[in-house]
C-alpha cells in the first residue's frame, strides 16, 4: 500500500520543512501532499524563525516527483514559476488506498462542502489554511483532515503534519510523535 505525508502552511520556514520531510522519510512516504502556502509568510503572519524561500524551492524541487500540491491563498504566480511542479490548482481529487480524497487549501472549500463535492462515507476531505490540526470522522462518515501548520500553529497546537497509510490517518508533530490517530 501507499503512504502519504500531508503538509500545509510552510510559509517560508526552511528549518521546519526539513523536519517535516524527515518525518515523511521516517514513515516511508511514497508521496508528499502539500495543501498550499509554500513560500510566502503572508500579511497576517510574522516572519518565520528561519525564513528562506529560495532554500525551500531547492528542497521541494529535489523531491518534485513525489509532490502532489494545491495552491494556497498566499501562493502566487511567481511561486509557481520557481517551483518545478504544479501548484496552481485550487483543489485536486485523488484515490488514496481505495478511498476518494479531496485536497484543497481551505480558503475556497471547507469541510462543510464535503458532500457537495461528491465525498461519501469512508472518503477523505483534506484542507489546511486555518493552521489548526483537525482529525475526525464527520456525521456522514467522511474523514476530515487538517494537518495544521508546520510554521504558524494556532489554537494552542504544536507544529504538525499528517501521515496517511493503509491503517489510517495520524497527526504528528515535527518530532514524528503521534498526536492523534484514526484507524480505518
N, C-alpha and C. Protein backbone atom coordinates (compact mmCIF):
# COMPACT_ATOMS: atom_id res chain seq x y z
N UNK A 1 0.83 -1.19 0.00
CA UNK A 1 0.00 0.00 0.00
C UNK A 1 0.88 1.25 0.00
N UNK A 2 0.26 2.34 -0.34
CA UNK A 2 0.97 3.60 -0.49
C UNK A 2 0.82 4.45 0.78
N UNK A 3 1.89 5.16 1.13
CA UNK A 3 1.90 6.05 2.29
C UNK A 3 2.07 7.49 1.81
N UNK A 4 1.32 8.39 2.43
CA UNK A 4 1.33 9.80 2.07
C UNK A 4 1.66 10.65 3.29
N UNK A 5 2.53 11.63 3.12
CA UNK A 5 2.74 12.65 4.14
C UNK A 5 1.95 13.87 3.69
N UNK A 6 1.21 14.48 4.61
CA UNK A 6 0.37 15.63 4.29
C UNK A 6 0.89 16.83 5.06
N UNK A 7 1.26 17.88 4.31
CA UNK A 7 1.90 19.07 4.89
C UNK A 7 1.17 20.31 4.40
N UNK A 8 1.00 21.28 5.27
CA UNK A 8 0.35 22.52 4.87
C UNK A 8 1.00 23.71 5.57
N UNK A 9 0.83 24.85 4.95
CA UNK A 9 1.20 26.13 5.56
C UNK A 9 2.66 26.18 6.03
N UNK A 10 3.56 25.98 5.06
CA UNK A 10 5.00 26.06 5.30
C UNK A 10 5.40 27.52 5.54
N UNK A 11 4.85 28.42 4.78
CA UNK A 11 5.07 29.87 4.92
C UNK A 11 6.55 30.25 4.99
N UNK A 12 7.37 29.60 4.17
CA UNK A 12 8.76 30.01 4.04
C UNK A 12 9.72 29.52 5.09
N UNK A 13 9.29 28.65 6.01
CA UNK A 13 10.17 28.20 7.09
C UNK A 13 10.97 26.97 6.65
N UNK A 14 12.23 27.20 6.29
CA UNK A 14 13.09 26.15 5.76
C UNK A 14 13.40 25.08 6.80
N UNK A 15 13.70 25.49 8.03
CA UNK A 15 14.05 24.54 9.08
C UNK A 15 12.90 23.56 9.35
N UNK A 16 11.69 24.07 9.44
CA UNK A 16 10.55 23.20 9.72
C UNK A 16 10.18 22.34 8.53
N UNK A 17 10.41 22.84 7.32
CA UNK A 17 10.17 21.99 6.15
C UNK A 17 11.15 20.82 6.16
N UNK A 18 12.40 21.07 6.49
CA UNK A 18 13.35 19.95 6.60
C UNK A 18 12.88 18.92 7.61
N UNK A 19 12.38 19.38 8.77
CA UNK A 19 11.88 18.46 9.78
C UNK A 19 10.68 17.66 9.26
N UNK A 20 9.78 18.34 8.57
CA UNK A 20 8.60 17.65 8.02
C UNK A 20 9.01 16.61 6.98
N UNK A 21 9.97 16.95 6.14
CA UNK A 21 10.45 15.98 5.15
C UNK A 21 11.14 14.80 5.82
N UNK A 22 11.79 15.04 6.95
CA UNK A 22 12.38 13.94 7.72
C UNK A 22 11.31 13.02 8.30
N UNK A 23 10.21 13.60 8.77
CA UNK A 23 9.08 12.79 9.25
C UNK A 23 8.53 11.95 8.10
N UNK A 24 8.39 12.57 6.94
CA UNK A 24 7.90 11.83 5.76
C UNK A 24 8.83 10.67 5.44
N UNK A 25 10.13 10.91 5.45
CA UNK A 25 11.11 9.84 5.18
C UNK A 25 11.03 8.74 6.24
N UNK A 26 10.91 9.13 7.50
CA UNK A 26 10.85 8.14 8.59
C UNK A 26 9.63 7.24 8.47
N UNK A 27 8.58 7.74 7.82
CA UNK A 27 7.36 6.96 7.63
C UNK A 27 7.27 6.36 6.23
N UNK A 28 8.37 6.40 5.49
CA UNK A 28 8.45 5.82 4.15
C UNK A 28 7.35 6.34 3.23
N UNK A 29 7.12 7.66 3.28
CA UNK A 29 6.08 8.25 2.44
C UNK A 29 6.43 8.12 0.97
N UNK A 30 5.50 7.58 0.22
CA UNK A 30 5.67 7.45 -1.23
C UNK A 30 5.38 8.78 -1.92
N UNK A 31 4.43 9.55 -1.36
CA UNK A 31 4.04 10.83 -1.93
C UNK A 31 3.93 11.88 -0.83
N UNK A 32 4.14 13.13 -1.24
CA UNK A 32 4.03 14.28 -0.34
C UNK A 32 2.86 15.13 -0.83
N UNK A 33 1.83 15.21 -0.03
CA UNK A 33 0.67 16.05 -0.36
C UNK A 33 0.87 17.40 0.32
N UNK A 34 0.92 18.45 -0.49
CA UNK A 34 1.06 19.80 0.04
C UNK A 34 -0.24 20.56 -0.19
N UNK A 35 -0.77 21.13 0.89
CA UNK A 35 -2.05 21.82 0.84
C UNK A 35 -1.89 23.34 0.78
N UNK A 36 -0.81 23.81 0.18
CA UNK A 36 -0.63 25.23 -0.11
C UNK A 36 0.10 26.04 0.94
N UNK A 37 0.34 27.30 0.55
CA UNK A 37 1.10 28.29 1.32
C UNK A 37 2.53 27.82 1.55
N UNK A 38 3.27 27.78 0.45
CA UNK A 38 4.64 27.27 0.43
C UNK A 38 5.69 28.30 0.88
N UNK A 39 5.82 29.39 0.13
CA UNK A 39 6.99 30.26 0.26
C UNK A 39 6.75 31.54 1.04
N UNK A 40 5.60 32.14 0.88
CA UNK A 40 5.35 33.46 1.47
C UNK A 40 4.73 33.34 2.85
N UNK A 41 5.11 34.26 3.73
CA UNK A 41 4.59 34.21 5.10
C UNK A 41 3.22 34.86 5.20
N UNK A 42 2.84 35.71 4.25
CA UNK A 42 1.51 36.32 4.25
C UNK A 42 1.43 37.56 5.12
N UNK A 43 0.49 38.43 4.84
CA UNK A 43 0.40 39.72 5.53
C UNK A 43 -0.08 39.63 6.98
N UNK A 44 -0.70 38.52 7.37
CA UNK A 44 -1.21 38.40 8.74
C UNK A 44 -0.29 37.62 9.66
N UNK A 45 0.82 37.13 9.12
CA UNK A 45 1.77 36.36 9.92
C UNK A 45 3.06 37.16 10.06
N UNK A 46 3.79 36.93 11.13
CA UNK A 46 5.12 37.50 11.24
C UNK A 46 6.09 36.71 10.38
N UNK A 47 7.34 37.09 10.40
CA UNK A 47 8.35 36.32 9.69
C UNK A 47 8.64 35.04 10.45
N UNK A 48 8.73 33.89 9.75
CA UNK A 48 9.11 32.66 10.44
C UNK A 48 10.55 32.77 10.96
N UNK A 49 10.88 31.93 11.92
CA UNK A 49 12.21 31.97 12.55
C UNK A 49 13.33 31.74 11.53
N UNK A 50 13.13 30.86 10.58
CA UNK A 50 14.12 30.59 9.55
C UNK A 50 13.43 30.79 8.21
N UNK A 51 13.33 32.03 7.77
CA UNK A 51 12.65 32.37 6.53
C UNK A 51 13.64 32.31 5.38
N UNK A 52 13.48 31.31 4.53
CA UNK A 52 14.41 31.12 3.41
C UNK A 52 13.66 30.50 2.23
N UNK A 53 12.85 31.29 1.54
CA UNK A 53 12.05 30.74 0.44
C UNK A 53 12.88 30.10 -0.67
N UNK A 54 14.05 30.63 -0.96
CA UNK A 54 14.85 30.03 -2.04
C UNK A 54 15.38 28.65 -1.65
N UNK A 55 15.70 28.45 -0.39
CA UNK A 55 16.12 27.13 0.06
C UNK A 55 14.94 26.16 0.01
N UNK A 56 13.76 26.66 0.33
CA UNK A 56 12.56 25.83 0.24
C UNK A 56 12.33 25.40 -1.21
N UNK A 57 12.53 26.31 -2.15
CA UNK A 57 12.41 25.97 -3.57
C UNK A 57 13.37 24.82 -3.90
N UNK A 58 14.60 24.94 -3.43
CA UNK A 58 15.61 23.89 -3.68
C UNK A 58 15.17 22.56 -3.06
N UNK A 59 14.71 22.59 -1.80
CA UNK A 59 14.28 21.37 -1.12
C UNK A 59 13.11 20.71 -1.86
N UNK A 60 12.09 21.51 -2.18
CA UNK A 60 10.90 20.96 -2.82
C UNK A 60 11.19 20.47 -4.23
N UNK A 61 11.97 21.22 -4.99
CA UNK A 61 12.28 20.78 -6.35
C UNK A 61 13.09 19.49 -6.34
N UNK A 62 13.85 19.23 -5.26
CA UNK A 62 14.63 18.00 -5.18
C UNK A 62 13.76 16.76 -4.98
N UNK A 63 12.51 16.95 -4.54
CA UNK A 63 11.59 15.81 -4.35
C UNK A 63 10.32 15.98 -5.19
N UNK A 64 10.41 16.75 -6.25
CA UNK A 64 9.23 17.10 -7.05
C UNK A 64 8.46 15.89 -7.57
N UNK A 65 9.14 14.78 -7.82
CA UNK A 65 8.46 13.60 -8.35
C UNK A 65 7.51 12.98 -7.33
N UNK A 66 7.64 13.34 -6.07
CA UNK A 66 6.78 12.81 -5.01
C UNK A 66 5.64 13.75 -4.65
N UNK A 67 5.66 14.99 -5.16
CA UNK A 67 4.74 16.03 -4.68
C UNK A 67 3.44 16.08 -5.47
N UNK A 68 2.34 16.14 -4.73
CA UNK A 68 1.00 16.43 -5.25
C UNK A 68 0.56 17.66 -4.47
N UNK A 69 0.23 18.76 -5.17
CA UNK A 69 0.02 20.01 -4.45
C UNK A 69 -1.18 20.80 -4.97
N UNK A 70 -1.68 21.65 -4.10
CA UNK A 70 -2.69 22.64 -4.46
C UNK A 70 -2.19 24.01 -4.01
N UNK A 71 -2.83 25.03 -4.54
CA UNK A 71 -2.44 26.41 -4.27
C UNK A 71 -3.12 26.94 -3.02
N UNK A 72 -2.35 27.64 -2.20
CA UNK A 72 -2.90 28.31 -1.04
C UNK A 72 -3.17 29.77 -1.32
N UNK A 73 -3.80 30.45 -0.39
CA UNK A 73 -4.12 31.85 -0.59
C UNK A 73 -2.89 32.76 -0.55
N UNK A 74 -1.76 32.28 -0.03
CA UNK A 74 -0.52 33.07 -0.02
C UNK A 74 0.41 32.70 -1.17
N UNK A 75 0.03 31.77 -2.02
CA UNK A 75 0.85 31.36 -3.16
C UNK A 75 0.55 32.25 -4.36
N UNK A 76 1.59 32.57 -5.12
CA UNK A 76 1.44 33.49 -6.25
C UNK A 76 1.96 32.87 -7.53
N UNK A 77 1.76 33.57 -8.62
CA UNK A 77 2.29 33.11 -9.91
C UNK A 77 3.81 33.07 -9.89
N UNK A 78 4.43 33.97 -9.15
CA UNK A 78 5.89 33.96 -9.03
C UNK A 78 6.34 32.67 -8.37
N UNK A 79 5.63 32.23 -7.33
CA UNK A 79 5.95 30.96 -6.67
C UNK A 79 5.85 29.81 -7.67
N UNK A 80 4.80 29.84 -8.44
CA UNK A 80 4.57 28.80 -9.44
C UNK A 80 5.70 28.75 -10.47
N UNK A 81 6.29 29.90 -10.76
CA UNK A 81 7.35 29.97 -11.76
C UNK A 81 8.66 29.36 -11.28
N UNK A 82 8.92 29.35 -9.96
CA UNK A 82 10.19 28.82 -9.46
C UNK A 82 10.08 27.37 -8.98
N UNK A 83 8.88 26.92 -8.68
CA UNK A 83 8.68 25.53 -8.27
C UNK A 83 8.51 24.67 -9.51
N UNK A 84 9.14 23.52 -9.53
CA UNK A 84 9.15 22.65 -10.72
C UNK A 84 8.06 21.59 -10.68
N UNK A 85 6.95 21.91 -10.05
CA UNK A 85 5.78 21.04 -10.01
C UNK A 85 4.57 21.97 -9.94
N UNK A 86 3.41 21.50 -10.39
CA UNK A 86 2.24 22.39 -10.44
C UNK A 86 1.66 22.68 -9.05
N UNK A 87 1.35 23.98 -8.83
CA UNK A 87 0.69 24.39 -7.58
C UNK A 87 -0.52 25.27 -7.87
N UNK A 88 -0.94 25.37 -9.11
CA UNK A 88 -1.98 26.34 -9.47
C UNK A 88 -3.41 25.87 -9.24
N UNK A 89 -3.62 24.60 -9.00
CA UNK A 89 -4.98 24.10 -8.82
C UNK A 89 -5.54 24.48 -7.46
N UNK A 90 -6.80 24.88 -7.44
CA UNK A 90 -7.49 25.20 -6.18
C UNK A 90 -7.80 23.93 -5.40
N UNK A 91 -7.98 22.82 -6.13
CA UNK A 91 -8.27 21.54 -5.48
C UNK A 91 -7.78 20.42 -6.38
N UNK A 92 -7.73 19.23 -5.82
CA UNK A 92 -7.38 18.03 -6.56
C UNK A 92 -8.12 16.87 -5.91
N UNK A 93 -8.42 15.86 -6.67
CA UNK A 93 -9.05 14.66 -6.15
C UNK A 93 -8.15 13.47 -6.46
N UNK A 94 -7.89 12.67 -5.46
CA UNK A 94 -7.02 11.51 -5.57
C UNK A 94 -7.77 10.27 -5.12
N UNK A 95 -7.19 9.13 -5.40
CA UNK A 95 -7.64 7.88 -4.77
C UNK A 95 -6.49 7.44 -3.88
N UNK A 96 -6.76 7.39 -2.59
CA UNK A 96 -5.75 7.02 -1.61
C UNK A 96 -6.16 5.69 -0.99
N UNK A 97 -5.41 4.66 -1.33
CA UNK A 97 -5.67 3.32 -0.80
C UNK A 97 -7.15 2.95 -0.91
N UNK A 98 -7.73 3.21 -2.08
CA UNK A 98 -9.11 2.84 -2.36
C UNK A 98 -10.16 3.83 -1.89
N UNK A 99 -9.74 4.95 -1.33
CA UNK A 99 -10.68 5.97 -0.84
C UNK A 99 -10.55 7.22 -1.69
N UNK A 100 -11.68 7.82 -2.02
CA UNK A 100 -11.65 9.10 -2.72
C UNK A 100 -11.17 10.15 -1.73
N UNK A 101 -10.23 10.98 -2.15
CA UNK A 101 -9.66 12.00 -1.27
C UNK A 101 -9.66 13.34 -2.00
N UNK A 102 -10.25 14.33 -1.38
CA UNK A 102 -10.31 15.68 -1.92
C UNK A 102 -9.31 16.53 -1.16
N UNK A 103 -8.45 17.24 -1.89
CA UNK A 103 -7.46 18.09 -1.24
C UNK A 103 -7.62 19.52 -1.72
N UNK A 104 -7.57 20.45 -0.79
CA UNK A 104 -7.71 21.87 -1.07
C UNK A 104 -6.97 22.63 0.02
N UNK A 105 -6.71 23.91 -0.21
CA UNK A 105 -6.05 24.68 0.84
C UNK A 105 -7.03 24.98 1.97
N UNK A 106 -8.25 25.34 1.63
CA UNK A 106 -9.25 25.60 2.66
C UNK A 106 -9.82 27.00 2.63
N UNK A 107 -9.30 27.86 1.77
CA UNK A 107 -9.84 29.21 1.70
C UNK A 107 -11.00 29.32 0.73
N UNK A 108 -11.22 28.31 -0.10
CA UNK A 108 -12.36 28.29 -1.02
C UNK A 108 -13.36 27.19 -0.67
N UNK A 109 -12.86 26.05 -0.26
CA UNK A 109 -13.71 24.93 0.15
C UNK A 109 -13.34 24.56 1.58
N UNK A 110 -14.34 24.19 2.36
CA UNK A 110 -14.06 23.70 3.71
C UNK A 110 -14.85 22.42 3.94
N UNK A 111 -14.75 21.87 5.12
CA UNK A 111 -15.35 20.56 5.38
C UNK A 111 -16.86 20.55 5.19
N UNK A 112 -17.53 21.70 5.26
CA UNK A 112 -18.98 21.74 5.04
C UNK A 112 -19.33 21.45 3.58
N UNK A 113 -18.35 21.52 2.69
CA UNK A 113 -18.56 21.23 1.27
C UNK A 113 -18.33 19.76 0.93
N UNK A 114 -17.96 18.94 1.88
CA UNK A 114 -17.53 17.56 1.62
C UNK A 114 -18.55 16.75 0.82
N UNK A 115 -19.81 16.81 1.18
CA UNK A 115 -20.81 16.04 0.44
C UNK A 115 -21.13 16.69 -0.90
N UNK A 116 -21.11 18.01 -0.94
CA UNK A 116 -21.36 18.74 -2.19
C UNK A 116 -20.35 18.37 -3.26
N UNK A 117 -19.10 18.15 -2.87
CA UNK A 117 -18.06 17.82 -3.85
C UNK A 117 -17.98 16.33 -4.15
N UNK A 118 -18.94 15.56 -3.63
CA UNK A 118 -19.06 14.17 -4.02
C UNK A 118 -18.39 13.16 -3.11
N UNK A 119 -18.04 13.55 -1.90
CA UNK A 119 -17.46 12.59 -0.97
C UNK A 119 -18.57 11.86 -0.23
N UNK A 120 -18.28 10.62 0.14
CA UNK A 120 -19.24 9.84 0.91
C UNK A 120 -18.51 9.06 1.98
N UNK A 121 -19.23 8.27 2.73
CA UNK A 121 -18.68 7.54 3.86
C UNK A 121 -17.36 6.85 3.51
N UNK A 122 -16.35 7.05 4.33
CA UNK A 122 -15.05 6.43 4.14
C UNK A 122 -14.07 7.25 3.32
N UNK A 123 -14.56 8.30 2.63
CA UNK A 123 -13.69 9.16 1.85
C UNK A 123 -12.98 10.16 2.77
N UNK A 124 -12.03 10.92 2.19
CA UNK A 124 -11.20 11.84 2.98
C UNK A 124 -11.29 13.25 2.42
N UNK A 125 -11.56 14.21 3.28
CA UNK A 125 -11.53 15.63 2.93
C UNK A 125 -10.31 16.23 3.63
N UNK A 126 -9.37 16.82 2.84
CA UNK A 126 -8.16 17.41 3.38
C UNK A 126 -8.10 18.89 3.07
N UNK A 127 -7.78 19.69 4.07
CA UNK A 127 -7.55 21.12 3.86
C UNK A 127 -6.60 21.64 4.92
N UNK A 128 -5.98 22.77 4.63
CA UNK A 128 -5.11 23.45 5.58
C UNK A 128 -5.74 24.77 5.96
N UNK A 129 -5.00 25.84 5.78
CA UNK A 129 -5.44 27.23 5.88
C UNK A 129 -5.66 27.75 7.30
N UNK A 130 -6.30 27.00 8.17
CA UNK A 130 -6.64 27.51 9.50
C UNK A 130 -5.46 27.42 10.47
N UNK A 131 -4.47 26.60 10.14
CA UNK A 131 -3.30 26.36 10.98
C UNK A 131 -3.65 25.61 12.26
N UNK A 132 -4.86 25.07 12.33
CA UNK A 132 -5.32 24.27 13.47
C UNK A 132 -5.52 22.83 13.02
N UNK A 133 -4.80 21.88 13.61
CA UNK A 133 -4.98 20.50 13.20
C UNK A 133 -6.36 19.96 13.57
N UNK A 134 -6.91 19.18 12.65
CA UNK A 134 -8.21 18.53 12.85
C UNK A 134 -8.11 17.13 12.29
N UNK A 135 -8.58 16.17 13.03
CA UNK A 135 -8.70 14.80 12.54
C UNK A 135 -9.95 14.22 13.17
N UNK A 136 -10.95 13.96 12.33
CA UNK A 136 -12.22 13.45 12.86
C UNK A 136 -12.97 12.74 11.73
N UNK A 137 -14.01 12.05 12.12
CA UNK A 137 -14.95 11.45 11.18
C UNK A 137 -16.25 12.22 11.37
N UNK A 138 -16.78 12.83 10.29
CA UNK A 138 -17.99 13.64 10.46
C UNK A 138 -19.25 12.77 10.48
N UNK A 139 -20.40 13.42 10.59
CA UNK A 139 -21.68 12.69 10.70
C UNK A 139 -21.97 11.80 9.49
N UNK A 140 -21.39 12.15 8.34
CA UNK A 140 -21.60 11.35 7.13
C UNK A 140 -20.56 10.25 6.97
N UNK A 141 -19.67 10.12 7.95
CA UNK A 141 -18.65 9.07 7.88
C UNK A 141 -17.45 9.45 7.03
N UNK A 142 -17.32 10.74 6.71
CA UNK A 142 -16.19 11.23 5.92
C UNK A 142 -15.08 11.63 6.89
N UNK A 143 -13.85 11.20 6.59
CA UNK A 143 -12.70 11.59 7.40
C UNK A 143 -12.32 13.02 7.04
N UNK A 144 -12.20 13.87 8.04
CA UNK A 144 -11.84 15.28 7.84
C UNK A 144 -10.44 15.47 8.43
N UNK A 145 -9.53 15.95 7.58
CA UNK A 145 -8.14 16.13 7.99
C UNK A 145 -7.66 17.54 7.68
N UNK A 146 -7.16 18.22 8.68
CA UNK A 146 -6.37 19.43 8.52
C UNK A 146 -5.08 19.13 9.26
N UNK A 147 -3.95 19.07 8.54
CA UNK A 147 -2.70 18.71 9.21
C UNK A 147 -2.13 19.80 10.11
N UNK A 148 -2.77 20.98 10.14
CA UNK A 148 -2.23 22.10 10.90
C UNK A 148 -1.15 22.80 10.10
N UNK A 149 -0.28 23.50 10.77
CA UNK A 149 0.80 24.24 10.12
C UNK A 149 2.13 23.81 10.70
N UNK A 150 3.15 23.69 9.84
CA UNK A 150 4.49 23.37 10.34
C UNK A 150 5.23 24.64 10.76
N UNK A 151 4.61 25.81 10.55
CA UNK A 151 5.29 27.07 10.85
C UNK A 151 4.55 27.94 11.84
N UNK A 152 3.27 28.17 11.62
CA UNK A 152 2.48 29.07 12.48
C UNK A 152 1.27 28.33 13.04
N UNK A 153 1.46 27.38 13.97
CA UNK A 153 0.31 26.68 14.52
C UNK A 153 -0.58 27.64 15.31
N UNK A 154 -1.86 27.35 15.30
CA UNK A 154 -2.82 28.19 16.04
C UNK A 154 -3.65 27.30 16.97
N UNK A 155 -4.38 27.96 17.84
CA UNK A 155 -5.28 27.24 18.74
C UNK A 155 -4.56 26.43 19.80
N UNK A 156 -3.33 26.80 20.12
CA UNK A 156 -2.59 26.08 21.14
C UNK A 156 -1.98 24.77 20.67
N UNK A 157 -2.01 24.53 19.37
CA UNK A 157 -1.49 23.27 18.84
C UNK A 157 0.02 23.35 18.60
N UNK A 158 0.63 22.18 18.44
CA UNK A 158 2.04 22.08 18.05
C UNK A 158 2.16 22.24 16.55
N UNK A 159 3.36 22.49 16.07
CA UNK A 159 3.64 22.42 14.63
C UNK A 159 3.37 20.98 14.22
N UNK A 160 2.58 20.80 13.16
CA UNK A 160 2.13 19.45 12.86
C UNK A 160 1.96 19.19 11.37
N UNK A 161 1.81 17.91 11.08
CA UNK A 161 1.56 17.39 9.74
C UNK A 161 0.80 16.08 9.91
N UNK A 162 0.56 15.37 8.82
CA UNK A 162 -0.17 14.10 8.94
C UNK A 162 0.48 13.03 8.07
N UNK A 163 0.17 11.80 8.40
CA UNK A 163 0.58 10.65 7.60
C UNK A 163 -0.65 9.80 7.37
N UNK A 164 -0.86 9.41 6.11
CA UNK A 164 -1.95 8.51 5.75
C UNK A 164 -1.32 7.24 5.20
N UNK A 165 -1.72 6.11 5.78
CA UNK A 165 -1.27 4.81 5.27
C UNK A 165 -2.46 3.86 5.22
N UNK A 166 -2.22 2.60 4.96
CA UNK A 166 -3.32 1.65 4.81
C UNK A 166 -4.09 1.43 6.11
N UNK A 167 -3.49 1.78 7.24
CA UNK A 167 -4.13 1.56 8.53
C UNK A 167 -4.96 2.73 9.02
N UNK A 168 -4.68 3.94 8.51
CA UNK A 168 -5.42 5.10 8.99
C UNK A 168 -4.69 6.40 8.75
N UNK A 169 -5.07 7.40 9.52
CA UNK A 169 -4.51 8.75 9.43
C UNK A 169 -3.98 9.12 10.80
N UNK A 170 -2.77 9.68 10.82
CA UNK A 170 -2.22 10.14 12.09
C UNK A 170 -1.73 11.58 11.95
N UNK A 171 -2.05 12.39 12.95
CA UNK A 171 -1.47 13.72 13.09
C UNK A 171 -0.18 13.53 13.86
N UNK A 172 0.88 14.20 13.41
CA UNK A 172 2.18 14.05 14.05
C UNK A 172 2.83 15.42 14.26
N UNK A 173 3.61 15.54 15.31
CA UNK A 173 4.39 16.75 15.46
C UNK A 173 5.68 16.58 14.65
N UNK A 174 6.52 17.59 14.63
CA UNK A 174 7.72 17.54 13.80
C UNK A 174 8.83 16.67 14.38
N UNK A 175 8.57 16.05 15.54
CA UNK A 175 9.46 15.03 16.09
C UNK A 175 8.95 13.63 15.76
N UNK A 176 7.92 13.56 14.91
CA UNK A 176 7.32 12.30 14.46
C UNK A 176 6.55 11.59 15.57
N UNK A 177 6.12 12.32 16.58
CA UNK A 177 5.31 11.76 17.66
C UNK A 177 3.84 11.88 17.24
N UNK A 178 3.11 10.78 17.34
CA UNK A 178 1.69 10.78 17.00
C UNK A 178 0.92 11.56 18.06
N UNK A 179 0.19 12.58 17.61
CA UNK A 179 -0.61 13.43 18.48
C UNK A 179 -2.04 12.92 18.54
N UNK A 180 -2.52 12.45 17.38
CA UNK A 180 -3.87 11.90 17.29
C UNK A 180 -3.89 10.92 16.12
N UNK A 181 -4.77 9.92 16.22
CA UNK A 181 -4.82 8.89 15.18
C UNK A 181 -6.23 8.37 15.01
N UNK A 182 -6.59 8.10 13.76
CA UNK A 182 -7.84 7.41 13.45
C UNK A 182 -7.47 6.19 12.60
N UNK A 183 -7.94 5.04 13.02
CA UNK A 183 -7.69 3.79 12.27
C UNK A 183 -8.87 3.55 11.32
N UNK A 184 -8.56 3.05 10.14
CA UNK A 184 -9.62 2.71 9.17
C UNK A 184 -10.27 1.40 9.58
